[in-house]
Amino acid sequence: MGPGGKSPNKCNQFEKEFAAHQGSKYCLAVTSGTAAFIVAVAGLGVGPGDEVILPAWTWYACYDAIIASGATPVFAEIDESLSIDPADVERKITPHTKVIMPVHIAGEPVDMDSIMAIARRHQLKVLEDAAQSMGVMYKGRAVGTVGDCGINSFQICKTISAGDGGAVVTSDPLVYE
């Protein structure tokens, strides 16, 4: 039961259940995967003067959210896995870099061990795009929950569809607030 003895609304119920399903502490349901990117970028404190490194091969919503925040997208090459190349990520880091955005394309998880090692070494945040990889695990964890936060999409062409909609997941209360 929610406040006043009422049942929690369906959105709150979904957020709690999706966070638990993904293995994160928090979930914020939004209207689309694009909205999830915008919310996540803002939650990570990205703004004018910042840079976000992302793969050159990805969906435009990834870099649209960066541009909408006033930050600059920095494109890294992909490797033979078709995911962001960790070696190229390291070459792209500057004093303005704030976030690395790995994209789990077509159900193929990114080498998150390498990405997380680079991020921690340079004190950067990691925003995972799991829009095309619902249900994919990386070493026992759902993709989207390895980094600081992740986004999911429920658009009509995604693995699990609700017609549209999205979600941001994180276990970091500072990102969530």
N, C-alpha and C. Protein backbone atom coordinates (compact mmCIF):
# COMPACT_ATOMS: atom_id res chain seq x y z
N MET A 1 0.83 -1.20 0.00
CA MET A 1 0.00 0.00 0.00
C MET A 1 0.87 1.25 0.00
N GLY A 2 0.40 2.25 -0.69
CA GLY A 2 1.09 3.52 -0.75
C GLY A 2 0.56 4.46 0.33
N PRO A 3 0.91 5.76 0.21
CA PRO A 3 0.44 6.75 1.18
C PRO A 3 -1.08 6.79 1.24
N GLY A 4 -1.63 6.94 2.41
CA GLY A 4 -3.08 7.02 2.60
C GLY A 4 -3.81 5.72 2.33
N GLY A 5 -3.07 4.59 2.33
CA GLY A 5 -3.71 3.31 2.12
C GLY A 5 -4.02 2.99 0.67
N LYS A 6 -3.60 3.84 -0.26
CA LYS A 6 -3.87 3.61 -1.67
C LYS A 6 -2.79 2.73 -2.29
N SER A 7 -3.18 1.99 -3.30
CA SER A 7 -2.21 1.19 -4.04
C SER A 7 -1.29 2.11 -4.82
N PRO A 8 0.00 1.74 -4.94
CA PRO A 8 0.92 2.58 -5.71
C PRO A 8 0.49 2.60 -7.18
N ASN A 9 0.76 3.73 -7.85
CA ASN A 9 0.35 3.80 -9.25
C ASN A 9 1.21 2.87 -10.10
N LYS A 10 0.75 2.60 -11.30
CA LYS A 10 1.42 1.63 -12.17
C LYS A 10 2.83 2.06 -12.53
N CYS A 11 3.07 3.35 -12.69
CA CYS A 11 4.42 3.83 -13.03
C CYS A 11 5.38 3.56 -11.87
N ASN A 12 4.98 3.90 -10.67
CA ASN A 12 5.83 3.63 -9.50
C ASN A 12 6.09 2.14 -9.35
N GLN A 13 5.06 1.34 -9.57
CA GLN A 13 5.21 -0.11 -9.47
C GLN A 13 6.19 -0.61 -10.54
N PHE A 14 6.04 -0.12 -11.77
CA PHE A 14 6.96 -0.50 -12.84
C PHE A 14 8.40 -0.14 -12.47
N GLU A 15 8.61 1.10 -11.99
CA GLU A 15 9.97 1.55 -11.65
C GLU A 15 10.61 0.63 -10.60
N LYS A 16 9.86 0.28 -9.58
CA LYS A 16 10.40 -0.60 -8.54
C LYS A 16 10.71 -1.99 -9.10
N GLU A 17 9.80 -2.53 -9.87
CA GLU A 17 10.00 -3.88 -10.41
C GLU A 17 11.10 -3.91 -11.47
N PHE A 18 11.18 -2.88 -12.30
CA PHE A 18 12.22 -2.86 -13.32
C PHE A 18 13.59 -2.70 -12.68
N ALA A 19 13.71 -1.82 -11.68
CA ALA A 19 14.99 -1.67 -10.97
C ALA A 19 15.41 -3.01 -10.37
N ALA A 20 14.49 -3.71 -9.74
CA ALA A 20 14.81 -5.01 -9.14
C ALA A 20 15.21 -6.02 -10.22
N HIS A 21 14.48 -6.03 -11.31
CA HIS A 21 14.78 -6.95 -12.42
C HIS A 21 16.16 -6.70 -12.99
N GLN A 22 16.55 -5.45 -13.12
CA GLN A 22 17.84 -5.09 -13.69
C GLN A 22 18.98 -5.21 -12.67
N GLY A 23 18.64 -5.24 -11.40
CA GLY A 23 19.68 -5.31 -10.37
C GLY A 23 20.22 -3.95 -9.99
N SER A 24 19.39 -2.93 -10.11
CA SER A 24 19.80 -1.58 -9.71
C SER A 24 18.90 -1.11 -8.57
N LYS A 25 19.32 -0.07 -7.89
CA LYS A 25 18.54 0.45 -6.77
C LYS A 25 17.39 1.35 -7.24
N TYR A 26 17.62 2.07 -8.35
CA TYR A 26 16.65 3.06 -8.78
C TYR A 26 16.32 2.91 -10.26
N CYS A 27 15.11 3.29 -10.60
CA CYS A 27 14.67 3.35 -11.99
C CYS A 27 13.77 4.57 -12.12
N LEU A 28 13.92 5.27 -13.21
CA LEU A 28 13.04 6.38 -13.54
C LEU A 28 12.45 6.11 -14.91
N ALA A 29 11.13 5.91 -14.97
CA ALA A 29 10.44 5.68 -16.24
C ALA A 29 10.24 7.01 -16.94
N VAL A 30 10.48 7.02 -18.24
CA VAL A 30 10.32 8.23 -19.06
C VAL A 30 9.58 7.87 -20.34
N THR A 31 9.35 8.85 -21.19
CA THR A 31 8.51 8.67 -22.37
C THR A 31 9.19 7.96 -23.53
N SER A 32 10.53 7.91 -23.55
CA SER A 32 11.24 7.30 -24.68
C SER A 32 12.69 7.04 -24.30
N GLY A 33 13.37 6.28 -25.15
CA GLY A 33 14.81 6.09 -24.96
C GLY A 33 15.55 7.40 -25.09
N THR A 34 15.11 8.26 -26.00
CA THR A 34 15.74 9.58 -26.15
C THR A 34 15.59 10.39 -24.87
N ALA A 35 14.40 10.38 -24.29
CA ALA A 35 14.19 11.09 -23.02
C ALA A 35 15.07 10.49 -21.93
N ALA A 36 15.26 9.17 -21.95
CA ALA A 36 16.13 8.52 -20.97
C ALA A 36 17.56 9.06 -21.09
N PHE A 37 18.05 9.21 -22.33
CA PHE A 37 19.38 9.79 -22.52
C PHE A 37 19.46 11.20 -21.96
N ILE A 38 18.48 12.02 -22.26
CA ILE A 38 18.49 13.41 -21.80
C ILE A 38 18.51 13.47 -20.28
N VAL A 39 17.68 12.65 -19.64
CA VAL A 39 17.62 12.61 -18.17
C VAL A 39 18.94 12.09 -17.59
N ALA A 40 19.49 11.04 -18.19
CA ALA A 40 20.74 10.45 -17.68
C ALA A 40 21.91 11.41 -17.82
N VAL A 41 22.01 12.08 -18.96
CA VAL A 41 23.09 13.06 -19.18
C VAL A 41 22.97 14.17 -18.14
N ALA A 42 21.76 14.65 -17.91
CA ALA A 42 21.56 15.69 -16.88
C ALA A 42 21.90 15.16 -15.50
N GLY A 43 21.49 13.92 -15.20
CA GLY A 43 21.77 13.32 -13.89
C GLY A 43 23.25 13.16 -13.62
N LEU A 44 24.03 13.00 -14.69
CA LEU A 44 25.49 12.89 -14.54
C LEU A 44 26.17 14.26 -14.49
N GLY A 45 25.38 15.32 -14.57
CA GLY A 45 25.93 16.67 -14.44
C GLY A 45 26.66 17.16 -15.67
N VAL A 46 26.35 16.61 -16.83
CA VAL A 46 27.00 17.02 -18.08
C VAL A 46 26.41 18.34 -18.54
N GLY A 47 27.29 19.26 -18.97
CA GLY A 47 26.82 20.55 -19.44
C GLY A 47 27.82 21.22 -20.36
N PRO A 48 27.60 22.49 -20.63
CA PRO A 48 28.49 23.23 -21.54
C PRO A 48 29.95 23.11 -21.13
N GLY A 49 30.80 22.86 -22.12
CA GLY A 49 32.23 22.72 -21.88
C GLY A 49 32.67 21.29 -21.63
N ASP A 50 31.72 20.40 -21.34
CA ASP A 50 32.05 19.00 -21.11
C ASP A 50 32.09 18.23 -22.42
N GLU A 51 32.78 17.09 -22.40
CA GLU A 51 32.82 16.17 -23.54
C GLU A 51 32.34 14.81 -23.09
N VAL A 52 31.64 14.14 -24.00
CA VAL A 52 31.17 12.78 -23.78
C VAL A 52 31.68 11.93 -24.93
N ILE A 53 32.39 10.85 -24.61
CA ILE A 53 32.92 9.96 -25.64
C ILE A 53 31.91 8.85 -25.90
N LEU A 54 31.58 8.64 -27.18
CA LEU A 54 30.64 7.62 -27.58
C LEU A 54 31.10 7.00 -28.89
N PRO A 55 30.55 5.83 -29.24
CA PRO A 55 31.00 5.21 -30.49
C PRO A 55 30.51 5.99 -31.71
N ALA A 56 31.30 5.95 -32.78
CA ALA A 56 30.92 6.63 -34.02
C ALA A 56 29.75 5.92 -34.69
N TRP A 57 29.54 4.65 -34.40
CA TRP A 57 28.42 3.90 -34.96
C TRP A 57 27.38 3.69 -33.88
N THR A 58 26.33 4.52 -33.92
CA THR A 58 25.27 4.44 -32.92
C THR A 58 24.06 5.19 -33.43
N TRP A 59 23.01 5.20 -32.66
CA TRP A 59 21.77 5.91 -32.99
C TRP A 59 21.93 7.38 -32.61
N TYR A 60 21.28 8.24 -33.37
CA TYR A 60 21.45 9.68 -33.18
C TYR A 60 20.98 10.21 -31.83
N ALA A 61 20.09 9.50 -31.15
CA ALA A 61 19.62 9.96 -29.84
C ALA A 61 20.77 10.07 -28.85
N CYS A 62 21.80 9.23 -29.02
CA CYS A 62 22.96 9.28 -28.13
C CYS A 62 23.62 10.65 -28.17
N TYR A 63 23.94 11.12 -29.37
CA TYR A 63 24.62 12.40 -29.45
C TYR A 63 23.65 13.58 -29.36
N ASP A 64 22.37 13.38 -29.70
CA ASP A 64 21.39 14.45 -29.51
C ASP A 64 21.29 14.88 -28.05
N ALA A 65 21.30 13.90 -27.14
CA ALA A 65 21.20 14.21 -25.71
C ALA A 65 22.42 14.98 -25.23
N ILE A 66 23.58 14.64 -25.78
CA ILE A 66 24.81 15.35 -25.41
C ILE A 66 24.74 16.79 -25.90
N ILE A 67 24.34 16.98 -27.14
CA ILE A 67 24.21 18.32 -27.71
C ILE A 67 23.16 19.13 -26.96
N ALA A 68 22.03 18.49 -26.62
CA ALA A 68 20.97 19.19 -25.88
C ALA A 68 21.47 19.70 -24.53
N SER A 69 22.45 19.03 -23.95
CA SER A 69 22.99 19.46 -22.65
C SER A 69 23.97 20.61 -22.79
N GLY A 70 24.37 20.91 -24.04
CA GLY A 70 25.38 21.94 -24.27
C GLY A 70 26.79 21.39 -24.31
N ALA A 71 26.92 20.07 -24.15
CA ALA A 71 28.23 19.43 -24.18
C ALA A 71 28.60 19.04 -25.61
N THR A 72 29.79 18.49 -25.77
CA THR A 72 30.30 18.11 -27.08
C THR A 72 30.44 16.59 -27.18
N PRO A 73 29.82 15.98 -28.21
CA PRO A 73 30.06 14.55 -28.43
C PRO A 73 31.43 14.35 -29.07
N VAL A 74 32.15 13.36 -28.60
CA VAL A 74 33.46 13.00 -29.15
C VAL A 74 33.35 11.54 -29.60
N PHE A 75 33.53 11.32 -30.90
CA PHE A 75 33.32 9.99 -31.46
C PHE A 75 34.58 9.15 -31.42
N ALA A 76 34.43 7.93 -30.89
CA ALA A 76 35.50 6.95 -30.86
C ALA A 76 35.18 5.87 -31.89
N GLU A 77 36.20 5.23 -32.37
CA GLU A 77 36.04 4.15 -33.34
C GLU A 77 35.41 2.93 -32.67
N ILE A 78 34.90 2.03 -33.50
CA ILE A 78 34.43 0.74 -33.01
C ILE A 78 35.49 -0.30 -33.34
N ASP A 79 35.42 -1.44 -32.64
CA ASP A 79 36.36 -2.52 -32.92
C ASP A 79 35.63 -3.65 -33.65
N GLU A 80 36.25 -4.80 -33.77
CA GLU A 80 35.67 -5.92 -34.51
C GLU A 80 34.37 -6.43 -33.90
N SER A 81 34.09 -6.09 -32.64
CA SER A 81 32.84 -6.49 -32.00
C SER A 81 31.69 -5.56 -32.39
N LEU A 82 31.99 -4.50 -33.13
CA LEU A 82 31.06 -3.44 -33.51
C LEU A 82 30.69 -2.55 -32.32
N SER A 83 31.41 -2.70 -31.23
CA SER A 83 31.22 -1.86 -30.05
C SER A 83 32.37 -0.86 -29.95
N ILE A 84 32.22 0.09 -29.08
CA ILE A 84 33.24 1.13 -28.89
C ILE A 84 34.60 0.48 -28.58
N ASP A 85 35.63 0.99 -29.20
CA ASP A 85 36.99 0.47 -29.05
C ASP A 85 37.63 1.11 -27.81
N PRO A 86 37.86 0.33 -26.75
CA PRO A 86 38.45 0.91 -25.53
C PRO A 86 39.77 1.64 -25.78
N ALA A 87 40.60 1.13 -26.67
CA ALA A 87 41.88 1.79 -26.95
C ALA A 87 41.65 3.16 -27.55
N ASP A 88 40.66 3.30 -28.42
CA ASP A 88 40.39 4.61 -29.01
C ASP A 88 39.74 5.54 -27.99
N VAL A 89 38.94 4.98 -27.09
CA VAL A 89 38.36 5.80 -26.01
C VAL A 89 39.48 6.48 -25.24
N GLU A 90 40.48 5.71 -24.87
CA GLU A 90 41.59 6.27 -24.08
C GLU A 90 42.30 7.38 -24.84
N ARG A 91 42.44 7.23 -26.15
CA ARG A 91 43.10 8.27 -26.97
C ARG A 91 42.27 9.54 -27.06
N LYS A 92 40.96 9.44 -26.88
CA LYS A 92 40.06 10.60 -27.05
C LYS A 92 39.89 11.41 -25.77
N ILE A 93 40.36 10.93 -24.64
CA ILE A 93 40.15 11.61 -23.36
C ILE A 93 40.96 12.90 -23.31
N THR A 94 40.28 13.97 -22.89
CA THR A 94 40.91 15.28 -22.69
C THR A 94 40.54 15.77 -21.29
N PRO A 95 41.06 16.90 -20.88
CA PRO A 95 40.66 17.46 -19.58
C PRO A 95 39.16 17.82 -19.50
N HIS A 96 38.49 17.89 -20.66
CA HIS A 96 37.07 18.24 -20.70
C HIS A 96 36.15 17.03 -20.69
N THR A 97 36.72 15.83 -20.80
CA THR A 97 35.91 14.61 -20.84
C THR A 97 35.27 14.37 -19.48
N LYS A 98 33.97 14.10 -19.50
CA LYS A 98 33.24 13.85 -18.26
C LYS A 98 32.61 12.46 -18.22
N VAL A 99 32.21 11.95 -19.39
CA VAL A 99 31.46 10.70 -19.45
C VAL A 99 31.92 9.87 -20.65
N ILE A 100 31.91 8.55 -20.46
CA ILE A 100 32.06 7.59 -21.56
C ILE A 100 30.70 6.92 -21.73
N MET A 101 30.24 6.83 -22.99
CA MET A 101 28.93 6.25 -23.28
C MET A 101 29.08 5.00 -24.16
N PRO A 102 29.30 3.83 -23.57
CA PRO A 102 29.32 2.61 -24.38
C PRO A 102 27.91 2.25 -24.82
N VAL A 103 27.79 1.72 -26.03
CA VAL A 103 26.49 1.34 -26.58
C VAL A 103 26.50 -0.16 -26.86
N HIS A 104 25.62 -0.89 -26.20
CA HIS A 104 25.50 -2.33 -26.40
C HIS A 104 24.61 -2.54 -27.62
N ILE A 105 25.23 -2.74 -28.78
CA ILE A 105 24.51 -2.82 -30.05
C ILE A 105 23.99 -4.24 -30.29
N ALA A 106 22.72 -4.35 -30.70
CA ALA A 106 22.12 -5.59 -31.18
C ALA A 106 22.36 -6.77 -30.24
N GLY A 107 22.27 -6.54 -28.94
CA GLY A 107 22.42 -7.61 -27.97
C GLY A 107 23.84 -8.04 -27.69
N GLU A 108 24.81 -7.31 -28.19
CA GLU A 108 26.22 -7.65 -27.99
C GLU A 108 26.80 -6.72 -26.91
N PRO A 109 27.17 -7.26 -25.75
CA PRO A 109 27.69 -6.38 -24.70
C PRO A 109 29.08 -5.84 -25.02
N VAL A 110 29.31 -4.62 -24.62
CA VAL A 110 30.60 -3.96 -24.73
C VAL A 110 31.56 -4.59 -23.72
N ASP A 111 32.84 -4.51 -23.98
CA ASP A 111 33.87 -4.95 -23.03
C ASP A 111 33.88 -3.96 -21.86
N MET A 112 32.99 -4.18 -20.92
CA MET A 112 32.82 -3.23 -19.82
C MET A 112 33.98 -3.24 -18.83
N ASP A 113 34.71 -4.34 -18.72
CA ASP A 113 35.88 -4.34 -17.84
C ASP A 113 36.88 -3.28 -18.30
N SER A 114 37.14 -3.25 -19.59
CA SER A 114 38.08 -2.25 -20.13
C SER A 114 37.54 -0.84 -19.99
N ILE A 115 36.27 -0.65 -20.31
CA ILE A 115 35.66 0.69 -20.22
C ILE A 115 35.69 1.18 -18.77
N MET A 116 35.32 0.32 -17.83
CA MET A 116 35.29 0.73 -16.42
C MET A 116 36.69 1.02 -15.91
N ALA A 117 37.67 0.26 -16.33
CA ALA A 117 39.06 0.52 -15.90
C ALA A 117 39.53 1.89 -16.41
N ILE A 118 39.22 2.19 -17.65
CA ILE A 118 39.59 3.51 -18.22
C ILE A 118 38.87 4.61 -17.46
N ALA A 119 37.57 4.42 -17.24
CA ALA A 119 36.77 5.45 -16.55
C ALA A 119 37.31 5.70 -15.14
N ARG A 120 37.60 4.67 -14.41
CA ARG A 120 38.09 4.85 -13.04
C ARG A 120 39.48 5.48 -13.02
N ARG A 121 40.32 5.07 -13.96
CA ARG A 121 41.67 5.64 -14.04
C ARG A 121 41.63 7.14 -14.31
N HIS A 122 40.64 7.60 -15.07
CA HIS A 122 40.54 9.02 -15.44
C HIS A 122 39.42 9.74 -14.67
N GLN A 123 38.83 9.07 -13.70
CA GLN A 123 37.76 9.63 -12.87
C GLN A 123 36.60 10.15 -13.73
N LEU A 124 36.12 9.28 -14.62
CA LEU A 124 35.01 9.60 -15.51
C LEU A 124 33.78 8.77 -15.15
N LYS A 125 32.62 9.27 -15.51
CA LYS A 125 31.37 8.53 -15.34
C LYS A 125 31.12 7.69 -16.59
N VAL A 126 30.30 6.64 -16.42
CA VAL A 126 29.95 5.76 -17.53
C VAL A 126 28.42 5.67 -17.64
N LEU A 127 27.92 6.04 -18.81
CA LEU A 127 26.50 5.97 -19.13
C LEU A 127 26.32 4.90 -20.21
N GLU A 128 25.71 3.78 -19.84
CA GLU A 128 25.52 2.68 -20.78
C GLU A 128 24.21 2.81 -21.55
N ASP A 129 24.28 2.62 -22.87
CA ASP A 129 23.10 2.54 -23.71
C ASP A 129 22.75 1.07 -23.88
N ALA A 130 21.69 0.63 -23.22
CA ALA A 130 21.24 -0.76 -23.30
C ALA A 130 19.94 -0.86 -24.10
N ALA A 131 19.63 0.16 -24.91
CA ALA A 131 18.36 0.21 -25.64
C ALA A 131 18.14 -0.99 -26.54
N GLN A 132 19.21 -1.52 -27.13
CA GLN A 132 19.08 -2.67 -28.03
C GLN A 132 19.47 -3.98 -27.35
N SER A 133 19.59 -3.98 -26.05
CA SER A 133 20.14 -5.17 -25.39
C SER A 133 19.42 -5.56 -24.12
N MET A 134 18.11 -5.37 -24.08
CA MET A 134 17.33 -5.79 -22.92
C MET A 134 17.51 -7.28 -22.70
N GLY A 135 17.83 -7.68 -21.48
CA GLY A 135 18.01 -9.08 -21.14
C GLY A 135 19.43 -9.59 -21.29
N VAL A 136 20.31 -8.78 -21.83
CA VAL A 136 21.70 -9.20 -22.03
C VAL A 136 22.46 -9.03 -20.72
N MET A 137 23.28 -10.02 -20.41
CA MET A 137 24.07 -9.98 -19.19
C MET A 137 25.54 -9.81 -19.53
N TYR A 138 26.26 -9.14 -18.64
CA TYR A 138 27.71 -9.01 -18.74
C TYR A 138 28.28 -9.49 -17.42
N LYS A 139 28.89 -10.66 -17.43
CA LYS A 139 29.50 -11.25 -16.24
C LYS A 139 28.54 -11.24 -15.05
N GLY A 140 27.31 -11.66 -15.31
CA GLY A 140 26.32 -11.81 -14.25
C GLY A 140 25.52 -10.55 -13.93
N ARG A 141 25.78 -9.46 -14.63
CA ARG A 141 25.03 -8.22 -14.39
C ARG A 141 24.33 -7.80 -15.66
N ALA A 142 23.14 -7.23 -15.52
CA ALA A 142 22.41 -6.73 -16.68
C ALA A 142 23.17 -5.55 -17.29
N VAL A 143 23.29 -5.56 -18.63
CA VAL A 143 23.92 -4.40 -19.25
C VAL A 143 23.07 -3.17 -18.91
N GLY A 144 23.74 -2.07 -18.69
CA GLY A 144 23.07 -0.86 -18.21
C GLY A 144 23.26 -0.66 -16.72
N THR A 145 23.75 -1.69 -16.02
CA THR A 145 23.94 -1.58 -14.57
C THR A 145 25.41 -1.71 -14.16
N VAL A 146 26.29 -1.86 -15.12
CA VAL A 146 27.72 -1.99 -14.81
C VAL A 146 28.34 -0.62 -14.57
N GLY A 147 27.96 0.35 -15.40
CA GLY A 147 28.47 1.71 -15.26
C GLY A 147 27.71 2.48 -14.18
N ASP A 148 27.83 3.80 -14.23
CA ASP A 148 27.17 4.65 -13.24
C ASP A 148 25.67 4.73 -13.44
N CYS A 149 25.23 4.66 -14.69
CA CYS A 149 23.81 4.57 -15.00
C CYS A 149 23.65 4.02 -16.40
N GLY A 150 22.43 3.60 -16.70
CA GLY A 150 22.15 3.04 -18.01
C GLY A 150 20.77 3.44 -18.47
N ILE A 151 20.58 3.36 -19.78
CA ILE A 151 19.25 3.65 -20.31
C ILE A 151 18.72 2.43 -21.04
N ASN A 152 17.40 2.33 -21.07
CA ASN A 152 16.69 1.30 -21.81
C ASN A 152 15.59 1.95 -22.62
N SER A 153 15.21 1.30 -23.70
CA SER A 153 14.13 1.80 -24.56
C SER A 153 13.10 0.70 -24.75
N PHE A 154 11.84 1.09 -24.80
CA PHE A 154 10.74 0.16 -25.03
C PHE A 154 10.01 0.52 -26.32
N GLN A 155 10.72 1.17 -27.23
CA GLN A 155 10.18 1.57 -28.53
C GLN A 155 9.77 0.32 -29.31
N ILE A 156 8.94 0.48 -30.29
CA ILE A 156 8.31 -0.63 -31.00
C ILE A 156 9.30 -1.64 -31.58
N CYS A 157 10.49 -1.23 -31.96
CA CYS A 157 11.46 -2.15 -32.58
C CYS A 157 12.45 -2.74 -31.58
N LYS A 158 12.28 -2.49 -30.31
CA LYS A 158 13.23 -2.98 -29.31
C LYS A 158 12.88 -4.39 -28.84
N THR A 159 13.77 -5.00 -28.10
CA THR A 159 13.61 -6.38 -27.65
C THR A 159 12.33 -6.56 -26.85
N ILE A 160 12.07 -5.65 -25.93
CA ILE A 160 10.82 -5.65 -25.17
C ILE A 160 10.15 -4.31 -25.47
N SER A 161 8.96 -4.38 -26.07
CA SER A 161 8.31 -3.16 -26.54
C SER A 161 7.03 -2.86 -25.79
N ALA A 162 6.83 -1.59 -25.53
CA ALA A 162 5.57 -1.09 -25.00
C ALA A 162 5.00 -0.07 -25.99
N GLY A 163 5.51 -0.09 -27.22
CA GLY A 163 5.14 0.91 -28.22
C GLY A 163 6.11 2.06 -28.17
N ASP A 164 6.38 2.55 -26.98
CA ASP A 164 7.41 3.54 -26.73
C ASP A 164 7.65 3.58 -25.24
N GLY A 165 8.54 4.43 -24.81
CA GLY A 165 8.88 4.52 -23.40
C GLY A 165 10.35 4.21 -23.19
N GLY A 166 10.83 4.58 -22.05
CA GLY A 166 12.22 4.34 -21.72
C GLY A 166 12.40 4.31 -20.23
N ALA A 167 13.62 3.99 -19.80
CA ALA A 167 13.93 3.94 -18.38
C ALA A 167 15.40 4.24 -18.16
N VAL A 168 15.68 4.92 -17.08
CA VAL A 168 17.04 5.16 -16.62
C VAL A 168 17.21 4.33 -15.35
N VAL A 169 18.31 3.56 -15.29
CA VAL A 169 18.59 2.78 -14.08
C VAL A 169 19.94 3.19 -13.51
N THR A 170 20.01 3.19 -12.20
CA THR A 170 21.26 3.51 -11.51
C THR A 170 21.18 3.00 -10.08
N SER A 171 22.33 2.82 -9.47
CA SER A 171 22.38 2.54 -8.04
C SER A 171 23.00 3.70 -7.28
N ASP A 172 23.27 4.78 -7.99
CA ASP A 172 23.88 5.97 -7.41
C ASP A 172 22.80 6.99 -7.07
N PRO A 173 22.56 7.25 -5.78
CA PRO A 173 21.50 8.20 -5.42
C PRO A 173 21.76 9.61 -5.93
N LEU A 174 23.02 9.98 -6.16
CA LEU A 174 23.30 11.32 -6.68
C LEU A 174 22.86 11.46 -8.13
N VAL A 175 22.95 10.40 -8.90
CA VAL A 175 22.47 10.43 -10.28
C VAL A 175 20.95 10.46 -10.29
N TYR A 176 20.34 9.68 -9.41
CA TYR A 176 18.89 9.54 -9.37
C TYR A 176 18.21 10.84 -8.96
N GLU A 177 18.81 11.55 -8.02
CA GLU A 177 18.19 12.77 -7.53
C GLU A 177 18.35 13.85 -8.54
